[in-house]
Amino acid sequence: MQKILIAYASKAGSTAEVAEFIAKVMREAGAAVDVRPVRDVRDISAYQGVLLGSAIRMGKVLPEVVNFAKTHAAALAHLPVAYFNVNMTLKDDTPENRTIVDAYLDPLRAICTPVSTAAFAGKMDYSRLGWLLRFFFSRSKGKEENPIPEGNWLDWEKIRTWALEVLPLLQAERLPA
């Protein structure tokens, strides 16, 4: 049985949670799925499809995800690939913010054209951030210039729906060499 790889990079854990949840949904639908941080993946030849996920920091996909896509670009060119990101911009889900977050994936699109993409609002828990970001947010708490309050905006039903929509696309035949 061919497998799907969900490879991700997460800074505070939300993207890892989303990746694991997507894998659970896909497994319940009968798929064989491996979930790994991008830093732990060396070879993708055993997979029939790849789903790459990234947290967004400062409006950008994490560098390790872009590096993963560059490193595996030749193999990804022959596989169905999908991308997702978890970000705080969508805590306010507006058409303008959807346009902004869609552009976050442009560096990955430049490496490999995806069969599907998704963006999900995440959660902010200051205690899970590194000391520098915790310090920054603690200094701006309650001020208007702090655009990211603590809270959880993960919409598990939206994530489940996309996981089921993207699954058959990732199970498609390998693209010709």
Protein backbone atom coordinates (compact mmCIF):
# COMPACT_ATOMS: atom_id res chain seq x y z
CA MET A 1 0.00 0.00 0.00
CA GLN A 2 1.33 3.39 -0.97
CA LYS A 3 1.63 6.01 1.74
CA ILE A 4 1.07 9.71 2.04
CA LEU A 5 3.65 11.82 3.82
CA ILE A 6 2.59 14.76 5.93
CA ALA A 7 5.75 16.75 6.61
CA TYR A 8 5.55 19.94 8.64
CA ALA A 9 7.40 22.59 10.62
CA SER A 10 5.88 24.08 13.74
CA LYS A 11 7.14 26.69 16.16
CA ALA A 12 4.65 26.56 19.03
CA GLY A 13 2.85 23.31 18.29
CA SER A 14 -0.32 24.32 16.42
CA THR A 15 0.93 23.18 13.02
CA ALA A 16 2.04 19.85 14.49
CA GLU A 17 -1.44 19.41 15.99
CA VAL A 18 -3.06 20.18 12.65
CA ALA A 19 -0.73 17.76 10.82
CA GLU A 20 -1.54 14.97 13.30
CA PHE A 21 -5.27 15.69 13.05
CA ILE A 22 -5.18 15.60 9.22
CA ALA A 23 -3.33 12.27 9.42
CA LYS A 24 -5.98 10.90 11.81
CA VAL A 25 -8.78 11.93 9.46
CA MET A 26 -7.01 10.39 6.47
CA ARG A 27 -6.29 7.16 8.37
CA GLU A 28 -9.96 6.92 9.37
CA ALA A 29 -10.73 7.17 5.63
CA GLY A 30 -8.44 4.20 4.98
CA ALA A 31 -5.18 5.89 3.93
CA ALA A 32 -1.70 4.94 5.10
CA VAL A 33 -0.12 8.14 6.39
CA ASP A 34 3.21 9.04 7.97
CA VAL A 35 3.55 12.33 9.85
CA ARG A 36 6.99 13.79 10.45
CA PRO A 37 8.70 17.11 11.04
CA VAL A 38 10.46 18.13 7.82
CA ARG A 39 13.80 17.99 9.62
CA ASP A 40 13.32 14.23 10.15
CA VAL A 41 12.54 13.34 6.51
CA ARG A 42 15.44 12.24 4.33
CA ASP A 43 13.77 10.27 1.54
CA ILE A 44 10.32 10.64 -0.01
CA SER A 45 10.56 7.85 -2.61
CA ALA A 46 8.19 5.56 -0.66
CA TYR A 47 5.31 8.05 -0.85
CA GLN A 48 2.62 8.50 -3.48
CA GLY A 49 1.71 11.98 -2.25
CA VAL A 50 3.16 14.67 -0.01
CA LEU A 51 1.37 17.21 2.16
CA LEU A 52 3.62 20.01 3.43
CA GLY A 53 2.53 22.16 6.36
CA SER A 54 4.11 25.22 7.90
CA ALA A 55 3.52 27.66 10.66
CA ILE A 56 3.75 31.24 9.49
CA ARG A 57 6.19 33.62 11.13
CA MET A 58 6.44 37.25 10.12
CA GLY A 59 4.28 36.53 7.07
CA LYS A 60 6.49 33.72 5.79
CA VAL A 61 6.55 29.96 5.54
CA LEU A 62 9.21 28.60 7.89
CA PRO A 63 12.62 28.31 6.18
CA GLU A 64 12.93 24.59 6.92
CA VAL A 65 9.79 23.89 4.87
CA VAL A 66 11.10 25.88 1.91
CA ASN A 67 14.47 24.11 2.23
CA PHE A 68 12.69 20.74 2.32
CA ALA A 69 10.79 21.59 -0.88
CA LYS A 70 14.00 22.74 -2.59
CA THR A 71 15.92 19.64 -1.48
CA HIS A 72 13.19 17.30 -2.74
CA ALA A 73 12.08 19.40 -5.74
CA ALA A 74 12.95 16.77 -8.35
CA ALA A 75 10.93 14.06 -6.56
CA LEU A 76 8.06 16.42 -5.70
CA ALA A 77 7.72 17.33 -9.39
CA HIS A 78 6.46 13.76 -10.01
CA LEU A 79 4.12 13.49 -7.02
CA PRO A 80 0.83 15.07 -6.08
CA VAL A 81 1.74 17.72 -3.51
CA ALA A 82 -0.49 19.89 -1.33
CA TYR A 83 0.38 22.68 1.08
CA PHE A 84 -1.22 24.06 4.20
CA ASN A 85 -0.29 26.77 6.63
CA VAL A 86 -1.39 27.66 10.12
CA ASN A 87 -1.38 31.36 10.84
CA MET A 88 -2.80 34.03 13.07
CA THR A 89 -3.90 36.33 10.25
CA LEU A 90 -7.05 34.22 9.82
CA LYS A 91 -8.18 34.79 13.40
CA ASP A 92 -10.12 37.47 11.52
CA ASP A 93 -11.32 35.48 8.50
CA THR A 94 -12.01 38.14 5.88
CA PRO A 95 -11.59 38.08 2.09
CA GLU A 96 -8.65 40.48 2.45
CA ASN A 97 -6.94 38.22 5.00
CA ARG A 98 -7.60 35.14 2.81
CA THR A 99 -5.74 36.89 -0.03
CA ILE A 100 -2.85 37.69 2.31
CA VAL A 101 -2.51 34.15 3.65
CA ASP A 102 -2.80 32.60 0.19
CA ALA A 103 0.32 34.56 -0.80
CA TYR A 104 2.25 33.05 2.13
CA LEU A 105 2.52 29.84 0.07
CA ASP A 106 3.99 31.53 -3.02
CA PRO A 107 7.60 30.48 -2.20
CA LEU A 108 6.45 26.85 -2.17
CA ARG A 109 4.37 27.28 -5.34
CA ALA A 110 7.53 28.56 -7.05
CA ILE A 111 9.20 25.21 -6.32
CA CYS A 112 6.30 22.84 -7.04
CA THR A 113 2.73 23.46 -8.14
CA PRO A 114 0.31 21.98 -5.59
CA VAL A 115 -2.86 20.02 -6.28
CA SER A 116 -4.46 21.88 -3.37
CA THR A 117 -3.70 24.44 -0.68
CA ALA A 118 -5.31 25.45 2.59
CA ALA A 119 -4.79 28.01 5.32
CA PHE A 120 -6.10 27.67 8.83
CA ALA A 121 -6.27 30.04 11.76
CA GLY A 122 -4.13 28.79 14.62
CA LYS A 123 -3.87 29.45 18.29
CA MET A 124 -1.68 31.68 20.37
CA ASP A 125 -0.40 30.45 23.70
CA TYR A 126 2.42 32.71 24.84
CA SER A 127 3.75 30.03 27.20
CA ARG A 128 4.68 27.89 24.17
CA LEU A 129 6.77 30.62 22.55
CA GLY A 130 10.50 31.16 22.93
CA TRP A 131 11.65 33.67 25.50
CA LEU A 132 12.22 36.48 22.98
CA LEU A 133 8.71 36.29 21.52
CA ARG A 134 7.20 35.89 25.00
CA PHE A 135 9.03 39.06 26.05
CA PHE A 136 7.84 40.94 22.96
CA PHE A 137 4.22 39.96 23.48
CA SER A 138 4.30 40.59 27.22
CA ARG A 139 5.48 44.15 26.55
CA SER A 140 2.65 44.77 24.08
CA LYS A 141 -0.22 43.02 25.90
CA GLY A 142 -3.31 45.18 25.90
CA LYS A 143 -1.84 47.68 23.48
CA GLU A 144 -3.31 48.30 20.05
CA GLU A 145 -0.04 47.43 18.33
CA ASN A 146 -0.31 43.86 19.65
CA PRO A 147 -2.23 42.24 16.79
CA ILE A 148 -2.15 38.73 18.25
CA PRO A 149 -4.03 38.14 21.48
CA GLU A 150 -3.91 34.77 23.20
CA GLY A 151 -6.66 32.45 22.06
CA ASN A 152 -7.56 29.41 19.99
CA TRP A 153 -9.05 29.83 16.51
CA LEU A 154 -8.46 26.27 15.23
CA ASP A 155 -11.55 25.13 13.32
CA TRP A 156 -11.33 21.34 13.43
CA GLU A 157 -14.35 20.84 11.18
CA LYS A 158 -12.83 23.05 8.47
CA ILE A 159 -9.56 21.13 8.77
CA ARG A 160 -11.40 17.77 8.61
CA THR A 161 -13.31 18.86 5.50
CA TRP A 162 -10.11 19.87 3.69
CA ALA A 163 -8.30 16.68 4.73
CA LEU A 164 -11.05 14.60 3.14
CA GLU A 165 -11.08 16.79 0.01
CA VAL A 166 -7.32 16.63 -0.51
CA LEU A 167 -6.94 12.91 0.24
CA PRO A 168 -8.03 11.59 -3.20
CA LEU A 169 -5.84 14.20 -4.88
CA LEU A 170 -2.80 12.93 -2.95
CA GLN A 171 -3.68 9.33 -3.79
CA ALA A 172 -3.62 10.03 -7.53
CA GLU A 173 -1.12 8.27 -9.73
CA ARG A 174 2.44 9.51 -9.79
CA LEU A 175 3.03 12.12 -12.45
CA PRO A 176 5.12 11.02 -15.44
CA ALA A 177 8.88 11.44 -15.16
